[in-house]
């Protein structure tokens, strides 16, 4: 008969392995064991923002959602350093970075790993097919922009067709 005390080291070792490595496998899917926390601000009526938060959650990000009136959301973007040309429908802060609009979770994970000296990432507008904007129709090609602290930007990644980057670099 196995006692609770005999099982305790086995359970602690299994939990410790997941916490130390940061990753575990559940049903063949790699998941983050310790979620990266953040906050997302949106207007109360925005459904695509909630869909983006679910996309982020499925990739190991734990986002609190805070509803703001449009005027307060615009003010929050400004305070966080998001210029109007980078605006999307929602704004998030994860770690030391601002994530503006429908940025894919893989790009956010890459940003957090690389730690560039930047404000954060942006997908301006609301391109069809971007995370949270899956409509079932043909997806748009779009760029994820790295927002620099001096107000310039560069293409961080391109999603969609194999065409050239869509956004200007400044």
N, C-alpha and C. Protein backbone atom coordinates (compact mmCIF):
# COMPACT_ATOMS: atom_id res chain seq x y z
N UNK A 1 0.84 -1.18 0.00
CA UNK A 1 0.00 0.00 0.00
C UNK A 1 0.89 1.25 0.00
N UNK A 2 0.58 2.20 -0.87
CA UNK A 2 1.35 3.44 -0.97
C UNK A 2 0.69 4.48 -0.08
N UNK A 3 1.48 5.06 0.79
CA UNK A 3 0.94 6.07 1.70
C UNK A 3 1.09 7.46 1.09
N UNK A 4 0.38 8.41 1.68
CA UNK A 4 0.50 9.81 1.25
C UNK A 4 1.93 10.30 1.36
N UNK A 5 2.60 9.92 2.43
CA UNK A 5 3.97 10.36 2.65
C UNK A 5 4.91 9.80 1.58
N UNK A 6 4.64 8.59 1.11
CA UNK A 6 5.48 7.99 0.07
C UNK A 6 5.27 8.68 -1.27
N UNK A 7 4.08 9.13 -1.53
CA UNK A 7 3.78 9.80 -2.80
C UNK A 7 4.24 11.25 -2.83
N UNK A 8 4.37 11.87 -1.68
CA UNK A 8 4.69 13.30 -1.61
C UNK A 8 5.96 13.66 -2.38
N UNK A 9 7.09 12.98 -2.24
CA UNK A 9 8.29 13.35 -3.00
C UNK A 9 8.10 13.22 -4.51
N UNK A 10 7.32 12.23 -4.94
CA UNK A 10 7.07 12.04 -6.36
C UNK A 10 6.26 13.20 -6.91
N UNK A 11 5.22 13.59 -6.20
CA UNK A 11 4.37 14.70 -6.64
C UNK A 11 5.16 16.00 -6.65
N UNK A 12 5.92 16.26 -5.59
CA UNK A 12 6.72 17.48 -5.53
C UNK A 12 7.75 17.53 -6.64
N UNK A 13 8.37 16.41 -6.95
CA UNK A 13 9.36 16.37 -8.03
C UNK A 13 8.71 16.67 -9.37
N UNK A 14 7.53 16.13 -9.62
CA UNK A 14 6.84 16.37 -10.89
C UNK A 14 6.44 17.83 -11.02
N UNK A 15 5.89 18.40 -9.95
CA UNK A 15 5.51 19.81 -9.97
C UNK A 15 6.75 20.68 -10.13
N UNK A 16 7.81 20.36 -9.41
CA UNK A 16 9.05 21.13 -9.50
C UNK A 16 9.64 21.11 -10.89
N UNK A 17 9.58 19.97 -11.58
CA UNK A 17 10.12 19.88 -12.93
C UNK A 17 9.38 20.80 -13.88
N UNK A 18 8.07 20.88 -13.73
CA UNK A 18 7.29 21.76 -14.60
C UNK A 18 7.60 23.22 -14.29
N UNK A 19 7.67 23.58 -13.01
CA UNK A 19 7.93 24.97 -12.63
C UNK A 19 9.33 25.40 -13.05
N UNK A 20 10.33 24.56 -12.83
CA UNK A 20 11.71 24.91 -13.16
C UNK A 20 11.90 25.07 -14.66
N UNK A 21 11.35 24.14 -15.45
CA UNK A 21 11.54 24.23 -16.89
C UNK A 21 10.65 25.28 -17.50
N UNK A 22 9.52 25.59 -16.85
CA UNK A 22 8.60 26.57 -17.40
C UNK A 22 7.65 25.97 -18.42
N UNK A 23 7.84 24.71 -18.76
CA UNK A 23 6.98 24.10 -19.76
C UNK A 23 6.58 22.71 -19.34
N UNK A 24 5.41 22.31 -19.73
CA UNK A 24 4.94 20.96 -19.54
C UNK A 24 4.24 20.54 -20.80
N UNK A 25 3.93 19.27 -20.91
CA UNK A 25 3.20 18.79 -22.07
C UNK A 25 1.91 18.19 -21.59
N UNK A 26 0.81 18.66 -22.12
CA UNK A 26 -0.50 18.13 -21.81
C UNK A 26 -1.11 17.66 -23.11
N UNK A 27 -1.39 16.38 -23.19
CA UNK A 27 -1.98 15.78 -24.39
C UNK A 27 -1.22 16.16 -25.65
N UNK A 28 0.11 16.15 -25.57
CA UNK A 28 0.93 16.42 -26.75
C UNK A 28 1.08 17.89 -27.10
N UNK A 29 0.52 18.79 -26.30
CA UNK A 29 0.60 20.22 -26.59
C UNK A 29 1.51 20.89 -25.57
N UNK A 30 2.48 21.64 -26.05
CA UNK A 30 3.38 22.33 -25.13
C UNK A 30 2.67 23.56 -24.59
N UNK A 31 2.69 23.71 -23.27
CA UNK A 31 2.04 24.85 -22.64
C UNK A 31 2.99 25.51 -21.66
N UNK A 32 2.82 26.77 -21.44
CA UNK A 32 3.63 27.48 -20.45
C UNK A 32 3.11 27.11 -19.07
N UNK A 33 4.00 26.71 -18.18
CA UNK A 33 3.58 26.34 -16.84
C UNK A 33 3.30 27.57 -16.00
N UNK A 34 4.09 28.60 -16.14
CA UNK A 34 3.88 29.84 -15.41
C UNK A 34 3.52 30.91 -16.42
N UNK A 35 2.27 31.32 -16.41
CA UNK A 35 1.78 32.27 -17.40
C UNK A 35 2.41 33.65 -17.20
N UNK A 36 2.64 34.32 -18.31
CA UNK A 36 3.10 35.71 -18.29
C UNK A 36 1.87 36.58 -18.08
N UNK A 37 1.86 37.36 -17.03
CA UNK A 37 0.70 38.18 -16.69
C UNK A 37 0.76 39.53 -17.38
N UNK A 38 -0.40 40.09 -17.61
CA UNK A 38 -0.50 41.42 -18.20
C UNK A 38 -1.91 41.96 -18.03
N UNK A 39 -2.13 43.12 -18.61
CA UNK A 39 -3.45 43.74 -18.56
C UNK A 39 -3.79 44.25 -19.96
N UNK A 40 -5.07 44.14 -20.31
CA UNK A 40 -5.55 44.64 -21.59
C UNK A 40 -6.67 45.64 -21.32
N UNK A 41 -6.56 46.80 -21.97
CA UNK A 41 -7.61 47.82 -21.88
C UNK A 41 -8.36 47.83 -23.20
N UNK A 42 -9.69 47.92 -23.12
CA UNK A 42 -10.54 47.93 -24.30
C UNK A 42 -11.81 48.72 -24.00
N UNK A 43 -12.56 49.00 -25.06
CA UNK A 43 -13.89 49.58 -24.84
C UNK A 43 -14.84 48.43 -24.50
N UNK A 44 -15.87 48.67 -23.70
CA UNK A 44 -16.73 47.59 -23.22
C UNK A 44 -17.44 46.78 -24.31
N UNK A 45 -17.69 47.37 -25.44
CA UNK A 45 -18.48 46.67 -26.47
C UNK A 45 -17.64 45.87 -27.46
N UNK A 46 -16.33 45.80 -27.27
CA UNK A 46 -15.46 45.18 -28.27
C UNK A 46 -15.33 43.68 -28.05
N UNK A 47 -15.90 42.90 -28.96
CA UNK A 47 -15.83 41.44 -28.89
C UNK A 47 -14.53 40.88 -29.42
N UNK A 48 -13.93 41.54 -30.42
CA UNK A 48 -12.69 41.03 -30.99
C UNK A 48 -11.55 41.11 -29.97
N UNK A 49 -11.62 42.07 -29.07
CA UNK A 49 -10.59 42.20 -28.03
C UNK A 49 -10.63 40.99 -27.10
N UNK A 50 -11.82 40.55 -26.76
CA UNK A 50 -11.96 39.38 -25.91
C UNK A 50 -11.44 38.13 -26.64
N UNK A 51 -11.70 38.05 -27.94
CA UNK A 51 -11.18 36.92 -28.73
C UNK A 51 -9.65 36.95 -28.75
N UNK A 52 -9.05 38.13 -28.85
CA UNK A 52 -7.58 38.24 -28.81
C UNK A 52 -7.06 37.80 -27.44
N UNK A 53 -7.75 38.18 -26.37
CA UNK A 53 -7.33 37.78 -25.02
C UNK A 53 -7.40 36.25 -24.88
N UNK A 54 -8.40 35.62 -25.47
CA UNK A 54 -8.48 34.15 -25.45
C UNK A 54 -7.30 33.54 -26.22
N UNK A 55 -6.95 34.13 -27.38
CA UNK A 55 -5.80 33.68 -28.16
C UNK A 55 -4.53 33.76 -27.30
N UNK A 56 -4.36 34.86 -26.60
CA UNK A 56 -3.19 35.03 -25.75
C UNK A 56 -3.20 34.02 -24.61
N UNK A 57 -4.36 33.80 -24.01
CA UNK A 57 -4.48 32.84 -22.92
C UNK A 57 -4.13 31.42 -23.37
N UNK A 58 -4.54 31.06 -24.57
CA UNK A 58 -4.22 29.74 -25.11
C UNK A 58 -2.72 29.56 -25.32
N UNK A 59 -1.99 30.66 -25.37
CA UNK A 59 -0.54 30.61 -25.56
C UNK A 59 0.22 30.87 -24.27
N UNK A 60 -0.47 30.84 -23.14
CA UNK A 60 0.21 30.96 -21.86
C UNK A 60 0.27 32.34 -21.25
N UNK A 61 -0.44 33.30 -21.84
CA UNK A 61 -0.47 34.66 -21.29
C UNK A 61 -1.74 34.82 -20.46
N UNK A 62 -1.62 35.40 -19.28
CA UNK A 62 -2.74 35.59 -18.39
C UNK A 62 -3.05 37.09 -18.34
N UNK A 63 -4.10 37.50 -19.06
CA UNK A 63 -4.42 38.92 -19.17
C UNK A 63 -5.66 39.28 -18.36
N UNK A 64 -5.53 40.29 -17.52
CA UNK A 64 -6.70 40.90 -16.90
C UNK A 64 -7.29 41.85 -17.94
N UNK A 65 -8.61 41.96 -17.98
CA UNK A 65 -9.28 42.82 -18.95
C UNK A 65 -9.94 43.97 -18.21
N UNK A 66 -9.64 45.19 -18.66
CA UNK A 66 -10.22 46.38 -18.03
C UNK A 66 -10.93 47.18 -19.11
N UNK A 67 -12.21 47.43 -18.90
CA UNK A 67 -13.02 48.22 -19.83
C UNK A 67 -12.88 49.70 -19.51
N UNK A 68 -12.69 50.50 -20.57
CA UNK A 68 -12.58 51.95 -20.43
C UNK A 68 -13.44 52.62 -21.50
N UNK A 69 -14.00 53.79 -21.21
CA UNK A 69 -14.64 54.56 -22.27
C UNK A 69 -13.59 54.94 -23.32
N UNK A 70 -13.99 55.15 -24.55
CA UNK A 70 -13.07 55.44 -25.66
C UNK A 70 -12.09 56.57 -25.30
N UNK A 71 -12.57 57.64 -24.69
CA UNK A 71 -11.68 58.77 -24.38
C UNK A 71 -10.58 58.36 -23.41
N UNK A 72 -10.92 57.55 -22.41
CA UNK A 72 -9.92 57.09 -21.46
C UNK A 72 -8.96 56.09 -22.09
N UNK A 73 -9.47 55.25 -23.00
CA UNK A 73 -8.60 54.30 -23.70
C UNK A 73 -7.59 55.05 -24.56
N UNK A 74 -8.04 56.06 -25.27
CA UNK A 74 -7.13 56.87 -26.09
C UNK A 74 -6.07 57.56 -25.22
N UNK A 75 -6.48 58.05 -24.05
CA UNK A 75 -5.54 58.68 -23.13
C UNK A 75 -4.52 57.66 -22.62
N UNK A 76 -4.97 56.44 -22.32
CA UNK A 76 -4.08 55.37 -21.86
C UNK A 76 -3.03 55.06 -22.93
N UNK A 77 -3.47 54.97 -24.19
CA UNK A 77 -2.54 54.71 -25.30
C UNK A 77 -1.46 55.79 -25.33
N UNK A 78 -1.87 57.03 -25.21
CA UNK A 78 -0.94 58.15 -25.25
C UNK A 78 0.07 58.09 -24.11
N UNK A 79 -0.41 57.82 -22.91
CA UNK A 79 0.47 57.72 -21.74
C UNK A 79 1.49 56.60 -21.92
N UNK A 80 1.08 55.52 -22.55
CA UNK A 80 1.96 54.37 -22.75
C UNK A 80 2.90 54.53 -23.94
N UNK A 81 2.75 55.63 -24.70
CA UNK A 81 3.67 55.88 -25.81
C UNK A 81 3.22 55.35 -27.16
N UNK A 82 1.92 55.08 -27.30
CA UNK A 82 1.39 54.58 -28.57
C UNK A 82 0.92 55.77 -29.40
N UNK A 83 1.65 56.07 -30.48
CA UNK A 83 1.25 57.16 -31.39
C UNK A 83 0.03 56.72 -32.18
N UNK A 84 -0.76 57.68 -32.63
CA UNK A 84 -1.98 57.40 -33.38
C UNK A 84 -1.76 56.50 -34.59
N UNK A 85 -0.62 56.62 -35.26
CA UNK A 85 -0.36 55.80 -36.45
C UNK A 85 -0.21 54.32 -36.11
N UNK A 86 -0.02 53.98 -34.83
CA UNK A 86 0.12 52.59 -34.41
C UNK A 86 -1.15 52.02 -33.78
N UNK A 87 -2.19 52.83 -33.69
CA UNK A 87 -3.38 52.45 -32.93
C UNK A 87 -4.12 51.24 -33.49
N UNK A 88 -4.52 50.39 -32.57
CA UNK A 88 -5.41 49.26 -32.84
C UNK A 88 -6.64 49.45 -31.97
N UNK A 89 -7.43 48.40 -31.82
CA UNK A 89 -8.66 48.59 -31.05
C UNK A 89 -8.48 48.38 -29.56
N UNK A 90 -7.43 47.73 -29.13
CA UNK A 90 -7.17 47.53 -27.70
C UNK A 90 -5.68 47.71 -27.43
N UNK A 91 -5.35 47.89 -26.17
CA UNK A 91 -3.97 48.11 -25.74
C UNK A 91 -3.69 47.20 -24.56
N UNK A 92 -2.54 46.55 -24.58
CA UNK A 92 -2.15 45.69 -23.47
C UNK A 92 -0.76 46.06 -22.99
N UNK A 93 -0.48 45.70 -21.77
CA UNK A 93 0.87 45.84 -21.23
C UNK A 93 1.25 44.48 -20.67
N UNK A 94 2.34 43.93 -21.21
CA UNK A 94 2.85 42.63 -20.78
C UNK A 94 4.34 42.83 -20.51
N UNK A 95 4.75 42.55 -19.31
CA UNK A 95 6.13 42.85 -18.93
C UNK A 95 6.35 44.35 -19.04
N UNK A 96 7.45 44.75 -19.64
CA UNK A 96 7.76 46.17 -19.82
C UNK A 96 7.32 46.69 -21.18
N UNK A 97 6.47 45.97 -21.88
CA UNK A 97 6.11 46.33 -23.25
C UNK A 97 4.62 46.59 -23.42
N UNK A 98 4.32 47.46 -24.38
CA UNK A 98 2.95 47.74 -24.80
C UNK A 98 2.68 46.87 -26.02
N UNK A 99 1.52 46.23 -26.03
CA UNK A 99 1.10 45.42 -27.16
C UNK A 99 -0.19 46.06 -27.68
N UNK A 100 -0.11 46.61 -28.87
CA UNK A 100 -1.22 47.39 -29.44
C UNK A 100 -1.90 46.62 -30.56
N UNK A 101 -3.18 46.32 -30.37
CA UNK A 101 -3.94 45.66 -31.42
C UNK A 101 -3.75 44.16 -31.44
N UNK A 102 -4.04 43.56 -32.59
CA UNK A 102 -4.14 42.11 -32.74
C UNK A 102 -2.80 41.44 -33.05
N UNK A 103 -1.84 41.60 -32.16
CA UNK A 103 -0.50 41.04 -32.31
C UNK A 103 -0.56 39.55 -31.95
N UNK A 104 -0.02 38.67 -32.80
CA UNK A 104 0.01 37.24 -32.48
C UNK A 104 0.85 36.94 -31.24
N UNK A 105 0.41 35.96 -30.46
CA UNK A 105 1.10 35.58 -29.23
C UNK A 105 2.55 35.19 -29.49
N UNK A 106 2.83 34.54 -30.60
CA UNK A 106 4.21 34.13 -30.90
C UNK A 106 5.13 35.33 -31.03
N UNK A 107 4.62 36.43 -31.59
CA UNK A 107 5.43 37.65 -31.69
C UNK A 107 5.67 38.27 -30.32
N UNK A 108 4.66 38.21 -29.44
CA UNK A 108 4.83 38.74 -28.08
C UNK A 108 5.86 37.90 -27.33
N UNK A 109 5.80 36.58 -27.46
CA UNK A 109 6.77 35.71 -26.80
C UNK A 109 8.18 36.01 -27.30
N UNK A 110 8.32 36.22 -28.60
CA UNK A 110 9.63 36.55 -29.17
C UNK A 110 10.14 37.89 -28.61
N UNK A 111 9.25 38.88 -28.53
CA UNK A 111 9.61 40.19 -27.98
C UNK A 111 10.13 40.05 -26.55
N UNK A 112 9.42 39.28 -25.74
CA UNK A 112 9.82 39.11 -24.34
C UNK A 112 11.15 38.37 -24.23
N UNK A 113 11.42 37.47 -25.15
CA UNK A 113 12.69 36.73 -25.13
C UNK A 113 13.85 37.60 -25.61
N UNK A 114 13.61 38.42 -26.64
CA UNK A 114 14.68 39.23 -27.22
C UNK A 114 14.95 40.52 -26.44
N UNK A 115 13.92 41.05 -25.79
CA UNK A 115 14.03 42.26 -24.96
C UNK A 115 14.66 43.46 -25.68
N UNK A 116 14.11 43.86 -26.83
CA UNK A 116 14.67 45.04 -27.50
C UNK A 116 14.34 46.32 -26.73
N UNK A 117 15.11 47.36 -26.98
CA UNK A 117 14.86 48.66 -26.38
C UNK A 117 13.77 49.33 -27.21
N UNK A 118 12.52 49.13 -26.81
CA UNK A 118 11.38 49.60 -27.61
C UNK A 118 10.17 49.80 -26.71
N UNK A 119 9.16 50.49 -27.25
CA UNK A 119 7.89 50.65 -26.56
C UNK A 119 7.15 49.32 -26.55
N UNK A 120 7.12 48.65 -27.72
CA UNK A 120 6.42 47.38 -27.83
C UNK A 120 6.07 47.06 -29.26
N UNK A 121 5.00 46.29 -29.45
CA UNK A 121 4.56 45.84 -30.76
C UNK A 121 3.18 46.39 -31.09
N UNK A 122 2.93 46.54 -32.39
CA UNK A 122 1.63 47.03 -32.84
C UNK A 122 1.20 46.36 -34.13
N UNK A 123 -0.09 46.09 -34.22
CA UNK A 123 -0.75 45.77 -35.48
C UNK A 123 -1.79 46.87 -35.66
N UNK A 124 -1.46 47.91 -36.43
CA UNK A 124 -2.42 49.00 -36.61
C UNK A 124 -3.69 48.51 -37.30
N UNK A 125 -4.81 49.11 -36.92
CA UNK A 125 -6.08 48.74 -37.53
C UNK A 125 -6.57 47.40 -37.01
N UNK A 126 -7.36 46.74 -37.81
CA UNK A 126 -7.96 45.47 -37.42
C UNK A 126 -7.95 44.51 -38.61
N UNK A 127 -6.78 44.01 -39.01
CA UNK A 127 -6.72 43.17 -40.21
C UNK A 127 -7.45 41.83 -40.04
N UNK A 128 -8.24 41.48 -41.03
CA UNK A 128 -8.96 40.21 -41.03
C UNK A 128 -7.96 39.07 -40.98
N UNK A 129 -8.24 38.08 -40.15
CA UNK A 129 -7.38 36.92 -40.03
C UNK A 129 -6.33 37.04 -38.94
N UNK A 130 -6.12 38.26 -38.41
CA UNK A 130 -5.20 38.40 -37.28
C UNK A 130 -5.87 37.82 -36.04
N UNK A 131 -5.12 37.46 -34.99
CA UNK A 131 -5.74 36.86 -33.81
C UNK A 131 -6.86 37.73 -33.23
N UNK A 132 -8.02 37.12 -33.10
CA UNK A 132 -9.21 37.83 -32.63
C UNK A 132 -10.05 38.38 -33.76
N UNK A 133 -9.51 38.39 -34.97
CA UNK A 133 -10.23 38.92 -36.14
C UNK A 133 -10.48 37.81 -37.19
N UNK A 134 -10.55 36.58 -36.74
CA UNK A 134 -10.81 35.47 -37.64
C UNK A 134 -12.28 35.50 -38.03
N UNK A 135 -12.55 35.79 -39.27
CA UNK A 135 -13.93 35.94 -39.73
C UNK A 135 -14.39 34.80 -40.61
N UNK A 136 -13.50 33.92 -40.99
CA UNK A 136 -13.84 32.84 -41.90
C UNK A 136 -13.60 33.21 -43.35
N UNK A 137 -13.44 34.49 -43.63
CA UNK A 137 -13.15 34.94 -44.99
C UNK A 137 -11.66 34.90 -45.26
N UNK A 138 -11.28 35.47 -46.38
CA UNK A 138 -9.86 35.51 -46.75
C UNK A 138 -9.13 36.44 -45.78
N UNK A 139 -8.02 35.96 -45.20
CA UNK A 139 -7.27 36.82 -44.28
C UNK A 139 -6.48 37.89 -45.03
N UNK A 140 -6.30 39.02 -44.38
CA UNK A 140 -5.45 40.08 -44.91
C UNK A 140 -3.99 39.77 -44.57
N UNK A 141 -3.08 40.19 -45.42
CA UNK A 141 -1.67 40.19 -45.05
C UNK A 141 -1.46 41.41 -44.16
N UNK A 142 -0.63 41.27 -43.16
CA UNK A 142 -0.38 42.41 -42.26
C UNK A 142 1.00 42.30 -41.65
N UNK A 143 1.49 43.45 -41.17
CA UNK A 143 2.77 43.52 -40.50
C UNK A 143 2.57 43.77 -39.01
N UNK A 144 3.45 43.19 -38.22
CA UNK A 144 3.57 43.53 -36.81
C UNK A 144 4.75 44.50 -36.74
N UNK A 145 4.51 45.66 -36.15
CA UNK A 145 5.54 46.69 -36.08
C UNK A 145 6.17 46.74 -34.70
N UNK A 146 7.48 46.92 -34.66
CA UNK A 146 8.19 47.21 -33.42
C UNK A 146 8.16 48.72 -33.25
N UNK A 147 7.49 49.20 -32.21
CA UNK A 147 7.40 50.64 -31.95
C UNK A 147 8.63 51.08 -31.18
N UNK A 148 9.41 51.95 -31.77
CA UNK A 148 10.63 52.47 -31.14
C UNK A 148 10.27 53.62 -30.20
N UNK A 149 11.12 53.89 -29.24
CA UNK A 149 10.88 54.96 -28.27
C UNK A 149 10.95 56.35 -28.90
N UNK A 150 11.63 56.47 -30.05
CA UNK A 150 11.73 57.77 -30.72
C UNK A 150 10.54 58.03 -31.65
N UNK A 151 9.54 57.14 -31.66
CA UNK A 151 8.35 57.31 -32.49
C UNK A 151 8.44 56.61 -33.84
N UNK A 152 9.60 56.08 -34.19
CA UNK A 152 9.74 55.35 -35.45
C UNK A 152 9.32 53.89 -35.24
N UNK A 153 9.34 53.14 -36.32
CA UNK A 153 9.00 51.73 -36.22
C UNK A 153 9.78 50.95 -37.26
N UNK A 154 9.75 49.65 -37.10
CA UNK A 154 10.29 48.75 -38.11
C UNK A 154 9.41 47.51 -38.14
N UNK A 155 9.41 46.81 -39.26
CA UNK A 155 8.61 45.60 -39.37
C UNK A 155 9.28 44.52 -38.52
N UNK A 156 8.53 43.99 -37.58
CA UNK A 156 9.01 42.94 -36.68
C UNK A 156 8.70 41.56 -37.26
N UNK A 157 7.53 41.44 -37.87
CA UNK A 157 7.15 40.20 -38.55
C UNK A 157 6.06 40.51 -39.57
N UNK A 158 5.93 39.61 -40.53
CA UNK A 158 4.92 39.75 -41.57
C UNK A 158 4.05 38.50 -41.55
N UNK A 159 2.75 38.68 -41.64
CA UNK A 159 1.81 37.56 -41.63
C UNK A 159 0.93 37.65 -42.87
N UNK A 160 0.64 36.52 -43.43
CA UNK A 160 -0.21 36.50 -44.62
C UNK A 160 0.58 36.04 -45.82
N UNK A 161 0.35 36.69 -46.95
CA UNK A 161 1.02 36.26 -48.18
C UNK A 161 2.53 36.49 -48.10
N UNK A 162 3.23 36.01 -49.09
CA UNK A 162 4.70 36.11 -49.10
C UNK A 162 5.19 37.44 -49.66
N UNK A 163 4.31 38.42 -49.70
CA UNK A 163 4.65 39.72 -50.27
C UNK A 163 5.62 40.50 -49.41
N UNK A 164 5.90 41.69 -49.87
CA UNK A 164 6.83 42.57 -49.16
C UNK A 164 6.12 43.19 -47.95
N UNK A 165 6.87 43.67 -46.98
CA UNK A 165 6.24 44.32 -45.83
C UNK A 165 5.31 45.45 -46.25
N UNK A 166 4.24 45.60 -45.51
CA UNK A 166 3.17 46.54 -45.85
C UNK A 166 3.38 47.93 -45.25
N UNK A 167 4.03 48.00 -44.11
CA UNK A 167 4.07 49.25 -43.36
C UNK A 167 5.38 50.00 -43.61
N UNK A 168 5.32 51.33 -43.55
CA UNK A 168 6.55 52.12 -43.64
C UNK A 168 7.39 51.91 -42.40
N UNK A 169 8.68 52.15 -42.51
CA UNK A 169 9.57 51.91 -41.37
C UNK A 169 9.68 53.11 -40.45
N UNK A 170 8.95 54.19 -40.69
CA UNK A 170 8.95 55.30 -39.74
C UNK A 170 7.71 56.11 -39.82
